[in-house]
Amino acid sequence: MPYPAGHSAEVKRKIVHSARRLFNRHGFDNVSVDRIMSGAGLTRGGFYSYFTSKSELYAEVLSCFFTDPEWQNCWEDVEVDLASTEAGKQVVRAYLSRQHFEDVDNSCPMVALPSDVARGGKDAKQAFETVFSAMVSVLERSTVDRSPGRKKAQRHNKAVAIAAMCVGGMVVARAMANRKLADELRDGCMAVAIDLGGWDKAEN
């Protein structure tokens, strides 16, 4: 009996979702193909119908809500509309939110996997760069010009700094044992990022 329409895409989605959750929680090296497929409710044999290697899957997992329309994260009290003129502020609030901090399994992999990417190959680094560049593009489009005639390069530099503050801030916050200090760090990064973008300050 043939599989129903959309079966292949659904199986691939399950594999990617399982890998994202496991990589975010345990890192690339500590997760086997067997474990990924088990987490997806599938057997190992089907893996190679979709990916040639764990490394190829890893590059696909390195996506985030900036590049993946099927991203499963729903942000509490923050609606992220990438087409909105408010997208920059929305992204900052969502990225540095308490929810993103606590939900390790569904994190943007840029937070959980930077050290793995740094040790990885060219494909993983290019995938990471693609996601980061997409984040910068969203931020740059909605950065508010405080000075007339601001050059595009200056807007771009601000967006790069804000993106790095969001990703780096969450990485450092996750590494802290003191939850109060971690929350202060997130709040501080959020306030500075929103100010740098020229957006009104908003509560977490």
C-alpha atoms as a PDB file:
ATOM      1  CA  MET A   1       0.000   0.000   0.000  1.00  0.00           C
ATOM      2  CA  PRO A   2       1.485   3.379  -0.969  1.00  0.00           C
ATOM      3  CA  TYR A   3       2.104   5.966   1.704  1.00  0.00           C
ATOM      4  CA  PRO A   4      -0.360   8.878   1.837  1.00  0.00           C
ATOM      5  CA  ALA A   5       0.588  12.230   0.339  1.00  0.00           C
ATOM      6  CA  GLY A   6       2.898  14.171   2.613  1.00  0.00           C
ATOM      7  CA  HIS A   7       4.203  11.078   4.417  1.00  0.00           C
ATOM      8  CA  SER A   8       7.834  11.668   3.449  1.00  0.00           C
ATOM      9  CA  ALA A   9       7.770  15.313   4.557  1.00  0.00           C
ATOM     10  CA  GLU A  10       6.156  14.345   7.865  1.00  0.00           C
ATOM     11  CA  VAL A  11       8.774  11.680   8.584  1.00  0.00           C
ATOM     12  CA  LYS A  12      11.580  14.104   7.809  1.00  0.00           C
ATOM     13  CA  ARG A  13       9.977  16.708  10.079  1.00  0.00           C
ATOM     14  CA  LYS A  14       9.872  14.159  12.922  1.00  0.00           C
ATOM     15  CA  ILE A  15      13.548  13.311  12.459  1.00  0.00           C
ATOM     16  CA  VAL A  16      14.590  16.982  12.427  1.00  0.00           C
ATOM     17  CA  HIS A  17      12.448  17.768  15.473  1.00  0.00           C
ATOM     18  CA  SER A  18      13.881  14.818  17.416  1.00  0.00           C
ATOM     19  CA  ALA A  19      17.441  15.758  16.465  1.00  0.00           C
ATOM     20  CA  ARG A  20      16.932  19.414  17.394  1.00  0.00           C
ATOM     21  CA  ARG A  21      15.619  18.491  20.820  1.00  0.00           C
ATOM     22  CA  LEU A  22      18.406  15.981  21.496  1.00  0.00           C
ATOM     23  CA  PHE A  23      21.227  18.119  20.089  1.00  0.00           C
ATOM     24  CA  ASN A  24      20.031  21.098  22.130  1.00  0.00           C
ATOM     25  CA  ARG A  25      19.965  19.002  25.275  1.00  0.00           C
ATOM     26  CA  HIS A  26      23.072  16.826  24.827  1.00  0.00           C
ATOM     27  CA  GLY A  27      25.216  18.265  22.018  1.00  0.00           C
ATOM     28  CA  PHE A  28      26.115  16.766  18.654  1.00  0.00           C
ATOM     29  CA  ASP A  29      28.746  14.234  19.710  1.00  0.00           C
ATOM     30  CA  ASN A  30      26.644  12.692  22.485  1.00  0.00           C
ATOM     31  CA  VAL A  31      23.626  11.859  20.328  1.00  0.00           C
ATOM     32  CA  SER A  32      23.569   8.799  18.049  1.00  0.00           C
ATOM     33  CA  VAL A  33      21.479   8.232  14.931  1.00  0.00           C
ATOM     34  CA  ASP A  34      19.709   5.398  16.790  1.00  0.00           C
ATOM     35  CA  ARG A  35      18.718   7.787  19.558  1.00  0.00           C
ATOM     36  CA  ILE A  36      17.475  10.403  17.103  1.00  0.00           C
ATOM     37  CA  MET A  37      15.336   7.883  15.243  1.00  0.00           C
ATOM     38  CA  SER A  38      14.009   6.398  18.468  1.00  0.00           C
ATOM     39  CA  GLY A  39      13.023   9.893  19.607  1.00  0.00           C
ATOM     40  CA  ALA A  40      11.116  10.284  16.342  1.00  0.00           C
ATOM     41  CA  GLY A  41       9.357   6.931  16.832  1.00  0.00           C
ATOM     42  CA  LEU A  42      11.223   5.433  13.863  1.00  0.00           C
ATOM     43  CA  THR A  43      13.858   2.779  13.178  1.00  0.00           C
ATOM     44  CA  ARG A  44      17.457   3.480  12.197  1.00  0.00           C
ATOM     45  CA  GLY A  45      17.044   1.955   8.753  1.00  0.00           C
ATOM     46  CA  GLY A  46      14.844   4.794   7.556  1.00  0.00           C
ATOM     47  CA  PHE A  47      17.353   7.497   8.432  1.00  0.00           C
ATOM     48  CA  TYR A  48      19.407   7.198   5.262  1.00  0.00           C
ATOM     49  CA  SER A  49      16.371   7.693   3.047  1.00  0.00           C
ATOM     50  CA  TYR A  50      16.395  11.308   4.224  1.00  0.00           C
ATOM     51  CA  PHE A  51      19.972  12.158   5.216  1.00  0.00           C
ATOM     52  CA  THR A  52      23.365  10.875   4.120  1.00  0.00           C
ATOM     53  CA  SER A  53      24.898  11.404   7.559  1.00  0.00           C
ATOM     54  CA  LYS A  54      24.333  12.810  11.012  1.00  0.00           C
ATOM     55  CA  SER A  55      26.388  15.833   9.936  1.00  0.00           C
ATOM     56  CA  GLU A  56      23.963  16.588   7.104  1.00  0.00           C
ATOM     57  CA  LEU A  57      21.055  16.389   9.545  1.00  0.00           C
ATOM     58  CA  TYR A  58      22.979  18.634  11.946  1.00  0.00           C
ATOM     59  CA  ALA A  59      23.226  21.361   9.310  1.00  0.00           C
ATOM     60  CA  GLU A  60      19.472  21.204   8.762  1.00  0.00           C
ATOM     61  CA  VAL A  61      18.758  21.316  12.493  1.00  0.00           C
ATOM     62  CA  LEU A  62      20.736  24.549  12.673  1.00  0.00           C
ATOM     63  CA  SER A  63      17.728  26.621  11.799  1.00  0.00           C
ATOM     64  CA  CYS A  64      15.532  28.872  13.860  1.00  0.00           C
ATOM     65  CA  PHE A  65      12.305  30.798  13.555  1.00  0.00           C
ATOM     66  CA  PHE A  66      14.078  33.250  11.233  1.00  0.00           C
ATOM     67  CA  THR A  67      14.474  30.611   8.520  1.00  0.00           C
ATOM     68  CA  ASP A  68      12.034  27.806   9.351  1.00  0.00           C
ATOM     69  CA  PRO A  69       8.308  28.479   8.784  1.00  0.00           C
ATOM     70  CA  GLU A  70       7.495  25.229  10.617  1.00  0.00           C
ATOM     71  CA  TRP A  71       9.298  26.299  13.796  1.00  0.00           C
ATOM     72  CA  GLN A  72       7.339  24.891  16.712  1.00  0.00           C
ATOM     73  CA  ASN A  73       8.053  27.533  19.338  1.00  0.00           C
ATOM     74  CA  CYS A  74       5.170  29.665  20.574  1.00  0.00           C
ATOM     75  CA  TRP A  75       6.257  32.645  22.612  1.00  0.00           C
ATOM     76  CA  GLU A  76       4.254  33.586  25.685  1.00  0.00           C
ATOM     77  CA  ASP A  77       3.026  37.195  25.525  1.00  0.00           C
ATOM     78  CA  VAL A  78       5.147  37.871  22.412  1.00  0.00           C
ATOM     79  CA  GLU A  79       3.839  37.501  18.879  1.00  0.00           C
ATOM     80  CA  VAL A  80       6.744  37.339  16.445  1.00  0.00           C
ATOM     81  CA  ASP A  81       5.660  38.598  13.035  1.00  0.00           C
ATOM     82  CA  LEU A  82       8.747  38.775  10.835  1.00  0.00           C
ATOM     83  CA  ALA A  83       6.895  40.985   8.338  1.00  0.00           C
ATOM     84  CA  SER A  84       5.979  43.555  10.992  1.00  0.00           C
ATOM     85  CA  THR A  85       7.760  46.884  11.492  1.00  0.00           C
ATOM     86  CA  GLU A  86       7.923  45.806  15.145  1.00  0.00           C
ATOM     87  CA  ALA A  87       9.748  42.562  14.295  1.00  0.00           C
ATOM     88  CA  GLY A  88      13.066  43.701  15.773  1.00  0.00           C
ATOM     89  CA  LYS A  89      11.643  44.380  19.208  1.00  0.00           C
ATOM     90  CA  GLN A  90       9.551  41.206  19.063  1.00  0.00           C
ATOM     91  CA  VAL A  91      12.609  39.109  18.234  1.00  0.00           C
ATOM     92  CA  VAL A  92      14.663  40.591  21.077  1.00  0.00           C
ATOM     93  CA  ARG A  93      11.881  40.053  23.620  1.00  0.00           C
ATOM     94  CA  ALA A  94      11.242  36.483  22.452  1.00  0.00           C
ATOM     95  CA  TYR A  95      14.888  35.507  22.193  1.00  0.00           C
ATOM     96  CA  LEU A  96      15.820  36.776  25.652  1.00  0.00           C
ATOM     97  CA  SER A  97      12.556  35.681  27.256  1.00  0.00           C
ATOM     98  CA  ARG A  98      12.226  33.513  30.321  1.00  0.00           C
ATOM     99  CA  GLN A  99      10.484  30.913  28.169  1.00  0.00           C
ATOM    100  CA  HIS A 100      13.405  30.626  25.742  1.00  0.00           C
ATOM    101  CA  PHE A 101      15.799  30.412  28.690  1.00  0.00           C
ATOM    102  CA  GLU A 102      13.881  27.542  30.292  1.00  0.00           C
ATOM    103  CA  ASP A 103      12.822  25.563  27.216  1.00  0.00           C
ATOM    104  CA  VAL A 104      16.183  24.030  26.328  1.00  0.00           C
ATOM    105  CA  ASP A 105      14.775  21.309  24.076  1.00  0.00           C
ATOM    106  CA  ASN A 106      13.090  23.810  21.744  1.00  0.00           C
ATOM    107  CA  SER A 107      15.776  26.479  21.829  1.00  0.00           C
ATOM    108  CA  CYS A 108      17.182  28.178  18.805  1.00  0.00           C
ATOM    109  CA  PRO A 109      20.245  25.989  18.122  1.00  0.00           C
ATOM    110  CA  MET A 110      22.449  29.078  17.877  1.00  0.00           C
ATOM    111  CA  VAL A 111      22.248  29.183  21.683  1.00  0.00           C
ATOM    112  CA  ALA A 112      22.777  25.517  22.419  1.00  0.00           C
ATOM    113  CA  LEU A 113      25.283  24.532  19.746  1.00  0.00           C
ATOM    114  CA  PRO A 114      27.880  27.265  19.077  1.00  0.00           C
ATOM    115  CA  SER A 115      30.812  25.301  20.477  1.00  0.00           C
ATOM    116  CA  ASP A 116      29.790  22.241  18.429  1.00  0.00           C
ATOM    117  CA  VAL A 117      29.595  24.412  15.312  1.00  0.00           C
ATOM    118  CA  ALA A 118      33.025  25.893  16.002  1.00  0.00           C
ATOM    119  CA  ARG A 119      34.472  22.367  16.077  1.00  0.00           C
ATOM    120  CA  GLY A 120      32.392  21.219  13.135  1.00  0.00           C
ATOM    121  CA  GLY A 121      32.860  21.298   9.414  1.00  0.00           C
ATOM    122  CA  LYS A 122      32.134  23.858   6.752  1.00  0.00           C
ATOM    123  CA  ASP A 123      28.489  22.812   6.244  1.00  0.00           C
ATOM    124  CA  ALA A 124      27.602  23.332   9.908  1.00  0.00           C
ATOM    125  CA  LYS A 125      29.342  26.703   9.998  1.00  0.00           C
ATOM    126  CA  GLN A 126      27.545  27.824   6.855  1.00  0.00           C
ATOM    127  CA  ALA A 127      24.209  26.710   8.335  1.00  0.00           C
ATOM    128  CA  PHE A 128      24.918  28.658  11.524  1.00  0.00           C
ATOM    129  CA  GLU A 129      25.924  31.717   9.492  1.00  0.00           C
ATOM    130  CA  THR A 130      22.715  31.496   7.452  1.00  0.00           C
ATOM    131  CA  VAL A 131      20.546  31.592  10.577  1.00  0.00           C
ATOM    132  CA  PHE A 132      22.549  34.385  12.187  1.00  0.00           C
ATOM    133  CA  SER A 133      22.437  36.441   8.979  1.00  0.00           C
ATOM    134  CA  ALA A 134      18.665  35.942   8.780  1.00  0.00           C
ATOM    135  CA  MET A 135      18.343  37.228  12.346  1.00  0.00           C
ATOM    136  CA  VAL A 136      20.500  40.260  11.505  1.00  0.00           C
ATOM    137  CA  SER A 137      18.363  40.969   8.437  1.00  0.00           C
ATOM    138  CA  VAL A 138      15.151  40.978  10.486  1.00  0.00           C
ATOM    139  CA  LEU A 139      16.677  43.272  13.085  1.00  0.00           C
ATOM    140  CA  GLU A 140      18.196  45.606  10.511  1.00  0.00           C
ATOM    141  CA  ARG A 141      14.881  46.125   8.701  1.00  0.00           C
ATOM    142  CA  SER A 142      13.181  47.413  11.835  1.00  0.00           C
ATOM    143  CA  THR A 143      16.030  49.292  13.520  1.00  0.00           C
ATOM    144  CA  VAL A 144      14.910  52.855  14.167  1.00  0.00           C
ATOM    145  CA  ASP A 145      17.072  55.678  12.804  1.00  0.00           C
ATOM    146  CA  ARG A 146      17.652  58.258  15.479  1.00  0.00           C
ATOM    147  CA  SER A 147      19.707  60.452  13.166  1.00  0.00           C
ATOM    148  CA  PRO A 148      18.568  61.524   9.681  1.00  0.00           C
ATOM    149  CA  GLY A 149      20.697  60.158   6.887  1.00  0.00           C
ATOM    150  CA  ARG A 150      22.109  57.267   8.889  1.00  0.00           C
ATOM    151  CA  LYS A 151      24.147  55.070   6.602  1.00  0.00           C
ATOM    152  CA  LYS A 152      23.013  51.530   5.902  1.00  0.00           C
ATOM    153  CA  ALA A 153      26.339  50.242   7.229  1.00  0.00           C
ATOM    154  CA  GLN A 154      25.601  51.801  10.612  1.00  0.00           C
ATOM    155  CA  ARG A 155      22.174  50.176  10.758  1.00  0.00           C
ATOM    156  CA  HIS A 156      23.742  46.849   9.812  1.00  0.00           C
ATOM    157  CA  ASN A 157      26.405  47.156  12.503  1.00  0.00           C
ATOM    158  CA  LYS A 158      23.724  47.828  15.110  1.00  0.00           C
ATOM    159  CA  ALA A 159      21.736  44.805  13.980  1.00  0.00           C
ATOM    160  CA  VAL A 160      24.834  42.579  14.156  1.00  0.00           C
ATOM    161  CA  ALA A 161      25.557  43.823  17.682  1.00  0.00           C
ATOM    162  CA  ILE A 162      21.957  43.236  18.808  1.00  0.00           C
ATOM    163  CA  ALA A 163      21.923  39.709  17.350  1.00  0.00           C
ATOM    164  CA  ALA A 164      25.218  38.879  19.040  1.00  0.00           C
ATOM    165  CA  MET A 165      23.892  40.283  22.330  1.00  0.00           C
ATOM    166  CA  CYS A 166      20.781  38.100  22.097  1.00  0.00           C
ATOM    167  CA  VAL A 167      22.614  34.884  21.278  1.00  0.00           C
ATOM    168  CA  GLY A 168      25.603  35.525  23.530  1.00  0.00           C
ATOM    169  CA  GLY A 169      23.443  36.774  26.378  1.00  0.00           C
ATOM    170  CA  MET A 170      21.385  33.605  26.374  1.00  0.00           C
ATOM    171  CA  VAL A 171      24.498  31.407  26.150  1.00  0.00           C
ATOM    172  CA  VAL A 172      26.020  33.089  29.222  1.00  0.00           C
ATOM    173  CA  ALA A 173      22.717  33.079  31.129  1.00  0.00           C
ATOM    174  CA  ARG A 174      22.330  29.342  30.537  1.00  0.00           C
ATOM    175  CA  ALA A 175      25.845  28.764  31.897  1.00  0.00           C
ATOM    176  CA  MET A 176      25.074  30.373  35.260  1.00  0.00           C
ATOM    177  CA  ALA A 177      24.121  28.441  38.386  1.00  0.00           C
ATOM    178  CA  ASN A 178      22.617  31.519  40.041  1.00  0.00           C
ATOM    179  CA  ARG A 179      19.154  31.928  38.506  1.00  0.00           C
ATOM    180  CA  LYS A 180      18.725  35.484  39.808  1.00  0.00           C
ATOM    181  CA  LEU A 181      21.973  36.555  38.155  1.00  0.00           C
ATOM    182  CA  ALA A 182      20.961  34.771  34.936  1.00  0.00           C
ATOM    183  CA  ASP A 183      17.642  36.646  34.897  1.00  0.00           C
ATOM    184  CA  GLU A 184      19.406  39.948  35.549  1.00  0.00           C
ATOM    185  CA  LEU A 185      21.731  39.243  32.636  1.00  0.00           C
ATOM    186  CA  ARG A 186      18.835  38.499  30.284  1.00  0.00           C
ATOM    187  CA  ASP A 187      16.949  41.578  31.391  1.00  0.00           C
ATOM    188  CA  GLY A 188      20.041  43.739  31.003  1.00  0.00           C
ATOM    189  CA  CYS A 189      20.781  42.454  27.514  1.00  0.00           C
ATOM    190  CA  MET A 190      17.154  42.961  26.536  1.00  0.00           C
ATOM    191  CA  ALA A 191      17.088  46.551  27.772  1.00  0.00           C
ATOM    192  CA  VAL A 192      20.339  47.478  26.024  1.00  0.00           C
ATOM    193  CA  ALA A 193      19.352  45.696  22.792  1.00  0.00           C
ATOM    194  CA  ILE A 194      15.968  47.436  22.669  1.00  0.00           C
ATOM    195  CA  ASP A 195      17.607  50.790  23.363  1.00  0.00           C
ATOM    196  CA  LEU A 196      20.263  50.171  20.686  1.00  0.00           C
ATOM    197  CA  GLY A 197      17.546  49.293  18.172  1.00  0.00           C
ATOM    198  CA  GLY A 198      15.667  52.476  18.978  1.00  0.00           C
ATOM    199  CA  TRP A 199      12.592  50.596  20.125  1.00  0.00           C
ATOM    200  CA  ASP A 200      10.405  51.405  23.130  1.00  0.00           C
ATOM    201  CA  LYS A 201      11.379  49.416  26.178  1.00  0.00           C
ATOM    202  CA  ALA A 202       9.009  46.596  27.034  1.00  0.00           C
ATOM    203  CA  GLU A 203       8.668  44.255  29.973  1.00  0.00           C
ATOM    204  CA  ASN A 204       9.839  40.685  29.667  1.00  0.00           C
END
